[in-house]
N, C-alpha and C. Protein backbone atom coordinates (compact mmCIF):
# COMPACT_ATOMS: atom_id res chain seq x y z
N UNK A 1 33.09 221.82 147.03
CA UNK A 1 33.11 222.81 148.09
C UNK A 1 34.50 222.85 148.72
N UNK A 2 35.03 224.08 148.93
CA UNK A 2 36.39 224.21 149.45
C UNK A 2 36.43 223.83 150.91
N UNK A 3 37.64 223.47 151.36
CA UNK A 3 37.81 223.08 152.76
C UNK A 3 37.48 224.24 153.68
N UNK A 4 37.86 225.46 153.27
CA UNK A 4 37.60 226.62 154.11
C UNK A 4 36.12 226.87 154.30
N UNK A 5 35.34 226.71 153.22
CA UNK A 5 33.89 226.90 153.33
C UNK A 5 33.29 225.85 154.24
N UNK A 6 33.73 224.59 154.07
CA UNK A 6 33.20 223.51 154.91
C UNK A 6 33.51 223.77 156.38
N UNK A 7 34.74 224.24 156.68
CA UNK A 7 35.10 224.52 158.07
C UNK A 7 34.26 225.65 158.64
N UNK A 8 34.01 226.66 157.80
CA UNK A 8 33.20 227.78 158.27
C UNK A 8 31.79 227.34 158.59
N UNK A 9 31.22 226.47 157.74
CA UNK A 9 29.87 226.00 157.98
C UNK A 9 29.80 225.10 159.18
N UNK A 10 30.85 224.32 159.41
CA UNK A 10 30.89 223.49 160.62
C UNK A 10 30.91 224.38 161.86
N UNK A 11 31.63 225.49 161.76
CA UNK A 11 31.68 226.41 162.89
C UNK A 11 30.30 227.01 163.18
N UNK A 12 29.47 227.13 162.11
CA UNK A 12 28.12 227.62 162.32
C UNK A 12 27.36 226.75 163.32
N UNK A 13 27.69 225.46 163.32
CA UNK A 13 26.98 224.55 164.19
C UNK A 13 27.18 224.85 165.66
N UNK A 14 28.28 225.52 166.00
CA UNK A 14 28.53 225.86 167.40
C UNK A 14 27.41 226.75 167.92
N UNK A 15 27.14 227.83 167.21
CA UNK A 15 26.07 228.73 167.64
C UNK A 15 24.70 228.10 167.44
N UNK A 16 24.56 227.36 166.38
CA UNK A 16 23.28 226.71 166.10
C UNK A 16 22.87 225.79 167.24
N UNK A 17 23.77 224.94 167.66
CA UNK A 17 23.42 223.97 168.69
C UNK A 17 23.39 224.61 170.07
N UNK A 18 23.95 225.80 170.19
CA UNK A 18 23.76 226.53 171.43
C UNK A 18 22.31 226.93 171.62
N UNK A 19 21.53 226.93 170.54
CA UNK A 19 20.12 227.29 170.61
C UNK A 19 19.22 226.07 170.59
N UNK A 20 19.79 224.87 170.72
CA UNK A 20 19.03 223.63 170.66
C UNK A 20 19.21 222.87 171.96
N UNK A 21 18.14 222.33 172.49
CA UNK A 21 18.20 221.51 173.69
C UNK A 21 18.24 220.06 173.29
N UNK A 22 19.23 219.31 173.81
CA UNK A 22 19.36 217.90 173.47
C UNK A 22 18.74 217.05 174.55
N UNK A 23 18.02 216.01 174.12
CA UNK A 23 17.42 215.08 175.05
C UNK A 23 17.26 213.75 174.37
N UNK A 24 16.78 212.73 175.07
CA UNK A 24 16.62 211.38 174.52
C UNK A 24 15.19 211.18 174.07
N UNK A 25 15.02 210.48 172.97
CA UNK A 25 13.72 210.10 172.45
C UNK A 25 13.83 208.67 171.99
N UNK A 26 13.41 207.73 172.84
CA UNK A 26 13.62 206.32 172.55
C UNK A 26 12.80 205.85 171.37
N UNK A 27 11.70 206.55 171.03
CA UNK A 27 10.83 206.07 169.97
C UNK A 27 11.44 206.22 168.59
N UNK A 28 12.22 207.25 168.37
CA UNK A 28 12.77 207.45 167.03
C UNK A 28 14.23 207.84 167.03
N UNK A 29 14.91 207.72 168.16
CA UNK A 29 16.34 208.02 168.28
C UNK A 29 16.67 209.46 167.95
N UNK A 30 15.71 210.39 168.09
CA UNK A 30 15.99 211.80 167.88
C UNK A 30 16.50 212.40 169.18
N UNK A 31 17.51 213.23 169.11
CA UNK A 31 18.06 213.86 170.31
C UNK A 31 17.72 215.33 170.41
N UNK A 32 17.12 215.91 169.37
CA UNK A 32 16.79 217.33 169.41
C UNK A 32 15.33 217.48 169.82
N UNK A 33 15.08 218.10 170.96
CA UNK A 33 13.72 218.15 171.47
C UNK A 33 13.11 219.55 171.48
N UNK A 34 13.91 220.58 171.42
CA UNK A 34 13.35 221.94 171.39
C UNK A 34 14.25 222.85 170.57
N UNK A 35 13.64 223.94 170.10
CA UNK A 35 14.32 224.83 169.16
C UNK A 35 14.04 226.26 169.53
N UNK A 36 15.07 227.08 169.68
CA UNK A 36 14.87 228.44 170.14
C UNK A 36 14.24 229.31 169.06
N UNK A 37 14.55 229.03 167.80
CA UNK A 37 13.98 229.82 166.72
C UNK A 37 14.63 231.16 166.50
N UNK A 38 15.79 231.43 167.09
CA UNK A 38 16.43 232.71 166.87
C UNK A 38 16.84 232.85 165.41
N UNK A 39 16.93 234.09 164.94
CA UNK A 39 17.26 234.33 163.55
C UNK A 39 18.63 233.78 163.20
N UNK A 40 19.62 234.00 164.07
CA UNK A 40 20.97 233.52 163.79
C UNK A 40 21.01 232.00 163.72
N UNK A 41 20.34 231.34 164.66
CA UNK A 41 20.33 229.88 164.67
C UNK A 41 19.66 229.34 163.41
N UNK A 42 18.56 229.97 162.98
CA UNK A 42 17.89 229.51 161.76
C UNK A 42 18.75 229.74 160.53
N UNK A 43 19.46 230.86 160.51
CA UNK A 43 20.35 231.14 159.39
C UNK A 43 21.45 230.08 159.30
N UNK A 44 22.01 229.72 160.42
CA UNK A 44 23.07 228.72 160.44
C UNK A 44 22.53 227.33 160.12
N UNK A 45 21.31 227.03 160.59
CA UNK A 45 20.69 225.76 160.25
C UNK A 45 20.49 225.66 158.74
N UNK A 46 20.08 226.74 158.13
CA UNK A 46 19.90 226.76 156.68
C UNK A 46 21.21 226.45 155.97
N UNK A 47 22.31 227.06 156.43
CA UNK A 47 23.62 226.82 155.82
C UNK A 47 24.04 225.36 155.95
N UNK A 48 23.80 224.77 157.12
CA UNK A 48 24.19 223.38 157.34
C UNK A 48 23.36 222.42 156.50
N UNK A 49 22.06 222.65 156.43
CA UNK A 49 21.18 221.78 155.63
C UNK A 49 21.60 221.83 154.16
N UNK A 50 21.87 223.02 153.66
CA UNK A 50 22.26 223.14 152.25
C UNK A 50 23.63 222.53 152.01
N UNK A 51 24.52 222.59 153.00
CA UNK A 51 25.83 221.95 152.87
C UNK A 51 25.68 220.44 152.74
N UNK A 52 24.90 219.84 153.63
CA UNK A 52 24.69 218.39 153.55
C UNK A 52 24.01 218.02 152.24
N UNK A 53 23.03 218.79 151.86
CA UNK A 53 22.32 218.51 150.60
C UNK A 53 23.28 218.52 149.42
N UNK A 54 24.16 219.50 149.37
CA UNK A 54 25.13 219.59 148.28
C UNK A 54 26.09 218.40 148.29
N UNK A 55 26.53 217.98 149.47
CA UNK A 55 27.47 216.86 149.54
C UNK A 55 26.80 215.55 149.12
N UNK A 56 25.52 215.37 149.49
CA UNK A 56 24.80 214.18 149.06
C UNK A 56 24.62 214.16 147.55
N UNK A 57 24.33 215.30 146.96
CA UNK A 57 24.12 215.38 145.51
C UNK A 57 25.43 215.19 144.74
N UNK A 58 26.56 215.49 145.37
CA UNK A 58 27.85 215.43 144.67
C UNK A 58 28.52 214.07 144.76
N UNK A 59 27.95 213.14 145.55
CA UNK A 59 28.60 211.85 145.75
C UNK A 59 27.67 210.70 145.38
N UNK A 60 28.27 209.59 144.94
CA UNK A 60 27.48 208.43 144.54
C UNK A 60 26.94 207.65 145.73
N UNK A 61 27.64 207.67 146.86
CA UNK A 61 27.25 206.86 148.01
C UNK A 61 26.73 207.73 149.15
N UNK A 62 25.44 207.61 149.43
CA UNK A 62 24.88 208.33 150.58
C UNK A 62 25.45 207.78 151.88
N UNK A 63 25.73 206.48 151.92
CA UNK A 63 26.29 205.87 153.13
C UNK A 63 27.63 206.49 153.47
N UNK A 64 28.53 206.59 152.48
CA UNK A 64 29.86 207.15 152.74
C UNK A 64 29.78 208.64 153.05
N UNK A 65 28.84 209.35 152.40
CA UNK A 65 28.67 210.77 152.68
C UNK A 65 28.22 210.99 154.12
N UNK A 66 27.26 210.18 154.58
CA UNK A 66 26.80 210.29 155.97
C UNK A 66 27.91 209.91 156.95
N UNK A 67 28.71 208.92 156.57
CA UNK A 67 29.81 208.51 157.45
C UNK A 67 30.83 209.64 157.60
N UNK A 68 31.10 210.34 156.50
CA UNK A 68 32.01 211.49 156.56
C UNK A 68 31.40 212.60 157.42
N UNK A 69 30.09 212.85 157.25
CA UNK A 69 29.41 213.87 158.05
C UNK A 69 29.46 213.52 159.53
N UNK A 70 29.23 212.25 159.82
CA UNK A 70 29.28 211.75 161.19
C UNK A 70 30.67 211.96 161.79
N UNK A 71 31.71 211.71 161.01
CA UNK A 71 33.09 211.85 161.47
C UNK A 71 33.43 213.32 161.72
N UNK A 72 33.14 214.18 160.75
CA UNK A 72 33.50 215.60 160.86
C UNK A 72 32.79 216.26 162.05
N UNK A 73 31.54 215.83 162.31
CA UNK A 73 30.76 216.49 163.36
C UNK A 73 30.74 215.71 164.67
N UNK A 74 31.58 214.65 164.75
CA UNK A 74 31.76 213.92 166.01
C UNK A 74 30.42 213.43 166.59
N UNK A 75 29.60 212.85 165.72
CA UNK A 75 28.29 212.37 166.17
C UNK A 75 28.39 211.07 166.95
N UNK A 76 29.46 210.30 166.73
CA UNK A 76 29.63 209.04 167.45
C UNK A 76 31.09 208.60 167.34
N UNK A 77 31.48 207.73 168.25
CA UNK A 77 32.82 207.13 168.22
C UNK A 77 32.68 205.62 168.33
N UNK A 78 33.11 204.88 167.29
CA UNK A 78 33.68 205.35 166.03
C UNK A 78 32.59 205.91 165.12
N UNK A 79 32.96 206.78 164.20
CA UNK A 79 31.98 207.41 163.32
C UNK A 79 31.63 206.51 162.13
N UNK A 80 30.97 205.41 162.39
CA UNK A 80 30.66 204.44 161.34
C UNK A 80 29.15 204.31 161.18
N UNK A 81 28.71 204.30 159.93
CA UNK A 81 27.30 204.14 159.63
C UNK A 81 26.94 202.66 159.63
N UNK A 82 25.89 202.33 160.37
CA UNK A 82 25.36 200.98 160.37
C UNK A 82 23.88 201.04 159.99
N UNK A 83 23.39 199.96 159.41
CA UNK A 83 21.99 199.90 158.98
C UNK A 83 21.17 199.09 159.97
N UNK A 84 19.96 199.53 160.19
CA UNK A 84 19.00 198.79 161.02
C UNK A 84 17.80 198.50 160.13
N UNK A 85 17.60 197.23 159.80
CA UNK A 85 16.52 196.87 158.90
C UNK A 85 15.16 197.03 159.57
N UNK A 86 14.20 197.47 158.77
CA UNK A 86 12.81 197.61 159.22
C UNK A 86 12.01 196.54 158.47
N UNK A 87 11.69 195.46 159.16
CA UNK A 87 11.11 194.29 158.51
C UNK A 87 9.59 194.35 158.41
N UNK A 88 8.97 195.19 159.24
CA UNK A 88 7.50 195.19 159.30
C UNK A 88 6.85 196.04 158.21
N UNK A 89 7.66 196.69 157.38
CA UNK A 89 7.12 197.56 156.32
C UNK A 89 7.44 196.96 154.95
N UNK A 90 6.44 196.96 154.07
CA UNK A 90 6.64 196.49 152.70
C UNK A 90 5.93 197.46 151.76
N UNK A 91 6.62 197.89 150.72
CA UNK A 91 6.05 198.82 149.74
C UNK A 91 6.20 198.21 148.35
N UNK A 92 5.12 197.72 147.76
CA UNK A 92 5.21 197.12 146.42
C UNK A 92 5.72 198.13 145.39
N UNK A 93 6.47 197.64 144.45
CA UNK A 93 6.99 198.51 143.40
C UNK A 93 5.87 198.96 142.48
N UNK A 94 5.95 200.19 142.00
CA UNK A 94 4.92 200.73 141.11
C UNK A 94 5.30 200.47 139.65
N UNK A 95 4.32 200.53 138.75
CA UNK A 95 4.64 200.40 137.32
C UNK A 95 5.67 201.43 136.84
N UNK A 96 5.59 202.65 137.37
CA UNK A 96 6.55 203.69 136.98
C UNK A 96 7.95 203.32 137.42
N UNK A 97 8.10 202.76 138.62
CA UNK A 97 9.42 202.34 139.08
C UNK A 97 9.96 201.18 138.25
N UNK A 98 9.08 200.28 137.85
CA UNK A 98 9.53 199.19 136.96
C UNK A 98 10.04 199.76 135.65
N UNK A 99 9.36 200.77 135.16
CA UNK A 99 9.81 201.40 133.91
C UNK A 99 11.18 202.03 134.10
N UNK A 100 11.37 202.72 135.21
CA UNK A 100 12.67 203.37 135.46
C UNK A 100 13.79 202.34 135.63
N UNK A 101 13.46 201.19 136.22
CA UNK A 101 14.47 200.15 136.40
C UNK A 101 14.65 199.29 135.16
N UNK A 102 13.77 199.43 134.19
CA UNK A 102 13.89 198.66 132.96
C UNK A 102 13.63 197.18 133.14
N UNK A 103 12.63 196.84 133.97
CA UNK A 103 12.30 195.44 134.20
C UNK A 103 10.88 195.15 133.72
N UNK A 104 10.62 193.90 133.41
CA UNK A 104 9.30 193.48 132.95
C UNK A 104 8.34 193.40 134.13
N UNK A 105 7.03 193.31 133.86
CA UNK A 105 6.05 193.21 134.96
C UNK A 105 6.23 191.98 135.84
N UNK A 106 6.92 190.95 135.35
CA UNK A 106 7.07 189.72 136.12
C UNK A 106 8.48 189.52 136.70
N UNK A 107 9.43 190.37 136.32
CA UNK A 107 10.80 190.20 136.81
C UNK A 107 10.87 190.53 138.30
N UNK A 108 11.56 189.70 139.10
CA UNK A 108 11.62 189.93 140.54
C UNK A 108 12.30 191.25 140.90
N UNK A 109 11.69 192.00 141.79
CA UNK A 109 12.26 193.21 142.37
C UNK A 109 12.04 193.12 143.87
N UNK A 110 13.09 193.29 144.64
CA UNK A 110 13.00 193.19 146.09
C UNK A 110 12.94 194.57 146.73
N UNK A 111 12.34 194.58 147.92
CA UNK A 111 12.20 195.83 148.67
C UNK A 111 12.94 195.68 150.01
N UNK A 112 13.65 196.74 150.38
CA UNK A 112 14.40 196.74 151.63
C UNK A 112 14.31 198.13 152.25
N UNK A 113 13.94 198.19 153.53
CA UNK A 113 13.88 199.47 154.23
C UNK A 113 14.84 199.41 155.41
N UNK A 114 15.64 200.46 155.55
CA UNK A 114 16.59 200.53 156.66
C UNK A 114 16.63 201.93 157.25
N UNK A 115 17.08 201.98 158.49
CA UNK A 115 17.51 203.24 159.10
C UNK A 115 19.03 203.22 159.13
N UNK A 116 19.64 204.32 158.74
CA UNK A 116 21.09 204.43 158.82
C UNK A 116 21.45 205.20 160.08
N UNK A 117 22.22 204.55 160.94
CA UNK A 117 22.56 205.12 162.24
C UNK A 117 24.04 205.39 162.36
N UNK A 118 24.35 206.49 163.05
CA UNK A 118 25.71 206.78 163.48
C UNK A 118 25.66 206.77 164.99
N UNK A 119 26.23 205.74 165.60
CA UNK A 119 26.04 205.56 167.03
C UNK A 119 24.59 205.27 167.31
N UNK A 120 23.98 206.05 168.20
CA UNK A 120 22.57 205.86 168.54
C UNK A 120 21.63 206.73 167.71
N UNK A 121 22.18 207.56 166.83
CA UNK A 121 21.39 208.53 166.08
C UNK A 121 20.97 207.98 164.71
N UNK A 122 19.68 207.99 164.45
CA UNK A 122 19.17 207.64 163.13
C UNK A 122 19.28 208.87 162.23
N UNK A 123 20.22 208.84 161.28
CA UNK A 123 20.45 209.99 160.40
C UNK A 123 19.55 209.98 159.18
N UNK A 124 19.14 208.78 158.75
CA UNK A 124 18.26 208.72 157.57
C UNK A 124 17.45 207.44 157.60
N UNK A 125 16.36 207.46 156.82
CA UNK A 125 15.55 206.28 156.56
C UNK A 125 15.51 206.09 155.06
N UNK A 126 15.68 204.86 154.60
CA UNK A 126 15.80 204.61 153.16
C UNK A 126 14.88 203.49 152.72
N UNK A 127 14.10 203.75 151.68
CA UNK A 127 13.34 202.72 150.98
C UNK A 127 14.12 202.36 149.73
N UNK A 128 14.28 201.07 149.50
CA UNK A 128 15.12 200.63 148.39
C UNK A 128 14.44 199.49 147.62
N UNK A 129 14.23 199.71 146.33
CA UNK A 129 13.74 198.67 145.44
C UNK A 129 14.90 198.29 144.53
N UNK A 130 15.29 197.01 144.51
CA UNK A 130 16.45 196.62 143.73
C UNK A 130 16.18 195.33 142.97
N UNK A 131 16.94 195.16 141.88
CA UNK A 131 16.78 194.00 141.00
C UNK A 131 17.83 192.97 141.38
N UNK A 132 17.46 191.88 142.05
CA UNK A 132 18.46 190.92 142.52
C UNK A 132 19.23 190.25 141.39
N UNK A 133 18.59 190.13 140.22
CA UNK A 133 19.26 189.49 139.10
C UNK A 133 20.42 190.29 138.54
N UNK A 134 20.57 191.55 138.96
CA UNK A 134 21.66 192.40 138.48
C UNK A 134 22.75 192.56 139.53
N UNK A 135 22.62 191.81 140.64
CA UNK A 135 23.64 191.79 141.69
C UNK A 135 24.26 190.41 141.76
N UNK A 136 25.38 190.30 142.44
CA UNK A 136 26.02 189.00 142.61
C UNK A 136 25.28 188.20 143.69
N UNK A 137 25.52 186.90 143.73
CA UNK A 137 24.87 186.05 144.73
C UNK A 137 25.32 186.44 146.14
N UNK A 138 26.60 186.81 146.30
CA UNK A 138 27.08 187.24 147.61
C UNK A 138 26.40 188.53 148.07
N UNK A 139 26.18 189.44 147.13
CA UNK A 139 25.50 190.69 147.48
C UNK A 139 24.07 190.41 147.92
N UNK A 140 23.37 189.56 147.20
CA UNK A 140 22.00 189.22 147.57
C UNK A 140 21.95 188.53 148.93
N UNK A 141 22.93 187.69 149.21
CA UNK A 141 22.96 187.01 150.51
C UNK A 141 23.14 188.03 151.64
N UNK A 142 24.04 188.98 151.46
CA UNK A 142 24.26 190.00 152.48
C UNK A 142 23.01 190.86 152.69
N UNK A 143 22.35 191.21 151.60
CA UNK A 143 21.15 192.03 151.71
C UNK A 143 20.01 191.29 152.38
N UNK A 144 19.94 189.98 152.15
CA UNK A 144 18.87 189.17 152.73
C UNK A 144 19.10 188.83 154.20
N UNK A 145 20.36 188.66 154.59
CA UNK A 145 20.65 188.07 155.89
C UNK A 145 21.36 189.00 156.87
N UNK A 146 21.73 190.20 156.45
CA UNK A 146 22.45 191.11 157.34
C UNK A 146 21.84 192.50 157.28
N UNK A 147 22.32 193.36 158.17
CA UNK A 147 21.89 194.77 158.20
C UNK A 147 22.90 195.68 157.50
N UNK A 148 23.80 195.13 156.72
CA UNK A 148 24.83 195.93 156.05
C UNK A 148 24.16 196.97 155.14
N UNK A 149 24.59 198.24 155.18
CA UNK A 149 24.00 199.25 154.30
C UNK A 149 24.10 198.86 152.83
N UNK A 150 23.08 199.17 152.07
CA UNK A 150 23.03 198.79 150.66
C UNK A 150 24.22 199.35 149.90
N UNK A 151 24.55 200.61 150.14
CA UNK A 151 25.65 201.24 149.41
C UNK A 151 26.97 200.55 149.64
N UNK A 152 27.17 200.04 150.88
CA UNK A 152 28.42 199.33 151.16
C UNK A 152 28.43 197.95 150.50
N UNK A 153 27.26 197.29 150.43
CA UNK A 153 27.18 195.97 149.81
C UNK A 153 27.50 196.04 148.31
N UNK A 154 26.96 197.05 147.62
CA UNK A 154 27.10 197.11 146.16
C UNK A 154 28.28 197.98 145.73
N UNK A 155 29.08 198.45 146.66
CA UNK A 155 30.21 199.31 146.31
C UNK A 155 31.14 198.67 145.27
N UNK A 156 31.39 197.33 145.29
CA UNK A 156 32.27 196.74 144.26
C UNK A 156 31.75 196.89 142.83
N UNK A 157 30.48 197.25 142.67
CA UNK A 157 29.93 197.42 141.32
C UNK A 157 30.40 198.72 140.67
N UNK A 158 30.99 199.62 141.46
CA UNK A 158 31.41 200.94 140.94
C UNK A 158 30.23 201.65 140.28
N UNK A 159 29.14 201.67 141.00
CA UNK A 159 27.89 202.19 140.46
C UNK A 159 27.90 203.72 140.40
N UNK A 160 26.94 204.24 139.67
CA UNK A 160 26.73 205.69 139.59
C UNK A 160 25.34 206.02 140.12
N UNK A 161 25.24 207.16 140.72
CA UNK A 161 23.98 207.61 141.31
C UNK A 161 23.41 208.75 140.48
N UNK A 162 22.15 208.64 140.11
CA UNK A 162 21.49 209.66 139.31
C UNK A 162 20.28 210.17 140.10
N UNK A 163 20.34 211.42 140.53
CA UNK A 163 19.28 211.99 141.34
C UNK A 163 18.03 212.23 140.50
N UNK A 164 16.90 211.71 140.95
CA UNK A 164 15.62 211.94 140.29
C UNK A 164 14.89 213.15 140.88
N UNK A 165 15.04 213.35 142.18
CA UNK A 165 14.45 214.52 142.83
C UNK A 165 15.18 214.78 144.14
N UNK A 166 15.19 216.04 144.54
CA UNK A 166 15.80 216.45 145.80
C UNK A 166 14.91 217.52 146.42
N UNK A 167 14.41 217.24 147.63
CA UNK A 167 13.49 218.17 148.29
C UNK A 167 14.05 218.59 149.64
N UNK A 168 14.04 219.88 149.89
CA UNK A 168 14.34 220.39 151.23
C UNK A 168 13.01 220.49 151.96
N UNK A 169 12.85 219.72 153.03
CA UNK A 169 11.57 219.62 153.72
C UNK A 169 11.37 220.68 154.80
N UNK A 170 12.45 221.37 155.14
CA UNK A 170 12.35 222.43 156.15
C UNK A 170 13.20 223.61 155.73
N UNK A 171 12.57 224.77 155.61
CA UNK A 171 13.29 226.01 155.36
C UNK A 171 13.29 226.81 156.66
N UNK A 172 14.42 226.88 157.36
CA UNK A 172 14.46 227.61 158.64
C UNK A 172 14.10 229.08 158.50
N UNK A 173 14.29 229.65 157.30
CA UNK A 173 13.92 231.04 157.04
C UNK A 173 12.97 231.08 155.85
N UNK A 174 12.00 231.99 155.84
CA UNK A 174 11.04 232.05 154.75
C UNK A 174 11.70 232.50 153.45
N UNK A 175 11.11 232.08 152.34
CA UNK A 175 11.64 232.48 151.04
C UNK A 175 11.63 234.01 150.92
N UNK A 176 12.74 234.55 150.43
CA UNK A 176 12.85 236.00 150.28
C UNK A 176 13.28 236.74 151.52
N UNK A 177 13.73 235.99 152.55
CA UNK A 177 14.12 236.66 153.80
C UNK A 177 15.25 237.65 153.59
N UNK A 178 16.13 237.36 152.60
CA UNK A 178 17.31 238.22 152.41
C UNK A 178 16.93 239.57 151.82
N UNK A 179 15.69 239.70 151.29
CA UNK A 179 15.25 240.96 150.72
C UNK A 179 14.47 241.81 151.72
N UNK A 180 14.26 241.27 152.91
CA UNK A 180 13.48 241.97 153.92
C UNK A 180 14.44 242.59 154.94
N UNK A 181 14.36 243.87 155.19
CA UNK A 181 15.29 244.49 156.15
C UNK A 181 15.10 243.97 157.59
N UNK A 182 13.92 243.45 157.90
CA UNK A 182 13.66 242.87 159.23
C UNK A 182 13.07 241.47 159.06
N UNK A 183 13.91 240.51 158.69
CA UNK A 183 13.42 239.20 158.27
C UNK A 183 12.93 238.31 159.41
N UNK A 184 11.64 238.32 159.68
CA UNK A 184 10.94 237.35 160.55
C UNK A 184 11.81 236.82 161.68
N UNK A 185 12.35 237.73 162.46
CA UNK A 185 13.32 237.31 163.46
C UNK A 185 12.70 236.52 164.61
N UNK A 186 11.45 236.74 164.89
CA UNK A 186 10.87 236.11 166.07
C UNK A 186 9.69 235.20 165.75
N UNK A 187 9.36 235.03 164.46
CA UNK A 187 8.16 234.29 164.11
C UNK A 187 8.20 232.84 164.55
N UNK A 188 9.39 232.23 164.56
CA UNK A 188 9.48 230.79 164.84
C UNK A 188 9.96 230.50 166.25
N UNK A 189 9.98 231.49 167.12
CA UNK A 189 10.46 231.26 168.48
C UNK A 189 9.59 230.21 169.16
N UNK A 190 10.24 229.20 169.75
CA UNK A 190 9.51 228.16 170.45
C UNK A 190 9.04 227.02 169.57
N UNK A 191 9.15 227.15 168.26
CA UNK A 191 8.71 226.09 167.37
C UNK A 191 9.86 225.12 167.11
N UNK A 192 9.66 223.82 167.34
CA UNK A 192 10.74 222.86 167.07
C UNK A 192 10.88 222.62 165.58
N UNK A 193 12.08 222.26 165.12
CA UNK A 193 12.23 221.88 163.71
C UNK A 193 11.54 220.54 163.49
N UNK A 194 11.17 220.23 162.26
CA UNK A 194 10.53 218.95 161.98
C UNK A 194 11.53 217.80 162.11
N UNK A 195 10.99 216.58 162.19
CA UNK A 195 11.86 215.41 162.34
C UNK A 195 12.63 215.13 161.06
N UNK A 196 12.12 215.56 159.89
CA UNK A 196 12.73 215.24 158.61
C UNK A 196 13.14 216.53 157.89
N UNK A 197 14.37 216.54 157.37
CA UNK A 197 14.91 217.75 156.75
C UNK A 197 15.02 217.67 155.23
N UNK A 198 15.40 216.51 154.70
CA UNK A 198 15.67 216.36 153.27
C UNK A 198 15.07 215.06 152.77
N UNK A 199 14.68 215.06 151.49
CA UNK A 199 14.26 213.81 150.84
C UNK A 199 14.89 213.73 149.46
N UNK A 200 15.58 212.62 149.19
CA UNK A 200 16.21 212.38 147.89
C UNK A 200 15.64 211.12 147.27
N UNK A 201 15.39 211.17 145.99
CA UNK A 201 15.04 209.98 145.20
C UNK A 201 16.09 209.82 144.13
N UNK A 202 16.66 208.62 144.02
CA UNK A 202 17.77 208.43 143.08
C UNK A 202 17.71 207.05 142.44
N UNK A 203 18.33 206.96 141.28
CA UNK A 203 18.47 205.71 140.53
C UNK A 203 19.94 205.33 140.53
N UNK A 204 20.24 204.09 140.89
CA UNK A 204 21.61 203.60 140.86
C UNK A 204 21.80 202.74 139.61
N UNK A 205 22.91 202.99 138.90
CA UNK A 205 23.15 202.26 137.66
C UNK A 205 24.55 201.65 137.66
N UNK A 206 24.68 200.57 136.89
CA UNK A 206 25.98 199.97 136.66
C UNK A 206 26.80 200.87 135.75
N UNK A 207 28.11 200.64 135.63
CA UNK A 207 28.94 201.48 134.75
C UNK A 207 28.44 201.54 133.31
N UNK A 208 27.75 200.48 132.84
CA UNK A 208 27.24 200.51 131.47
C UNK A 208 25.89 201.20 131.34
N UNK A 209 25.39 201.76 132.46
CA UNK A 209 24.14 202.49 132.43
C UNK A 209 22.91 201.69 132.82
N UNK A 210 23.07 200.39 133.08
CA UNK A 210 21.93 199.55 133.46
C UNK A 210 21.48 199.88 134.88
N UNK A 211 20.21 200.26 135.07
CA UNK A 211 19.75 200.56 136.43
C UNK A 211 19.52 199.27 137.23
N UNK A 212 19.81 199.32 138.52
CA UNK A 212 19.57 198.14 139.35
C UNK A 212 18.89 198.48 140.68
N UNK A 213 18.73 199.75 140.99
CA UNK A 213 18.11 200.11 142.26
C UNK A 213 17.52 201.51 142.19
N UNK A 214 16.37 201.67 142.84
CA UNK A 214 15.81 202.99 143.07
C UNK A 214 15.67 203.18 144.57
N UNK A 215 16.13 204.32 145.07
CA UNK A 215 16.11 204.57 146.51
C UNK A 215 15.39 205.89 146.79
N UNK A 216 14.70 205.90 147.92
CA UNK A 216 14.12 207.14 148.46
C UNK A 216 14.68 207.29 149.86
N UNK A 217 15.42 208.36 150.09
CA UNK A 217 16.12 208.58 151.36
C UNK A 217 15.58 209.83 152.04
N UNK A 218 15.27 209.71 153.31
CA UNK A 218 14.79 210.84 154.10
C UNK A 218 15.78 211.08 155.23
N UNK A 219 16.31 212.30 155.30
CA UNK A 219 17.34 212.64 156.29
C UNK A 219 16.72 213.39 157.45
N UNK A 220 17.12 213.00 158.65
CA UNK A 220 16.44 213.47 159.86
C UNK A 220 17.17 214.65 160.51
N UNK A 221 16.49 215.23 161.48
CA UNK A 221 17.06 216.35 162.24
C UNK A 221 18.33 215.94 162.99
N UNK A 222 18.54 214.64 163.17
CA UNK A 222 19.73 214.19 163.89
C UNK A 222 21.03 214.54 163.18
N UNK A 223 21.00 214.88 161.91
CA UNK A 223 22.24 215.28 161.24
C UNK A 223 22.79 216.57 161.85
N UNK A 224 21.97 217.29 162.61
CA UNK A 224 22.42 218.53 163.27
C UNK A 224 22.72 218.32 164.75
N UNK A 225 22.70 217.08 165.21
CA UNK A 225 22.83 216.82 166.65
C UNK A 225 24.26 216.62 167.10
N UNK A 226 25.19 217.41 166.56
CA UNK A 226 26.57 217.25 167.00
C UNK A 226 26.82 218.06 168.27
N UNK A 227 27.85 217.69 169.04
CA UNK A 227 28.07 218.32 170.35
C UNK A 227 28.34 219.81 170.24
N UNK A 228 27.89 220.53 171.26
CA UNK A 228 28.12 221.98 171.32
C UNK A 228 29.55 222.24 171.78
N UNK A 229 30.24 223.10 171.04
CA UNK A 229 31.60 223.51 171.42
C UNK A 229 31.56 224.96 171.89
N UNK A 230 32.28 225.24 172.95
CA UNK A 230 32.34 226.60 173.48
C UNK A 230 33.69 227.22 173.18
N UNK A 231 33.75 228.51 172.83
CA UNK A 231 35.05 229.18 172.59
C UNK A 231 35.93 229.12 173.84
């Protein structure tokens, strides 16, 4: 994506967030509490969601992509992504996931769930199943004992990311809106956007193609919570 297109889409956020009320939500760190539903705001939200989706699909590290997004949109100072581990949740690996990772039914696979935050904002939640035997001892120690994001821990592996699925969970405008001369301009007035916008499932592999991790990442409405700028 060209720099000019990215700047134009960032500018869309000015009008978009002019139609959003920001507030605090201690339960899930969401700052967007109401949504005007205007046609222009929904159109701009659609552009921003698709921009982030494209950048995530084009890069191997979701952590670094979110950190760049956080920096460009001034979501926090400093614009650094940190992980917050969720210890009370455990999701056993499925036989299909073992097949995708190329491990036997008895080979150890660990599960790790984190929220990725920029400042106080939770931008994504990630479920991660990984094969500890394919990582270094230092990497396993960091994953076991710290909140360091997985992508930052395994970055020395020079891994590649292979997307298994990508879902847009919220379409601000209905399908085919561009073919309608009066596209549902007021249908969503007063309706808030959902808490979750995107879901990605991906396989991480070593340079030789050996898989070592499967991740499911859900991106929240907080990716649109950047400050409103006035002309």
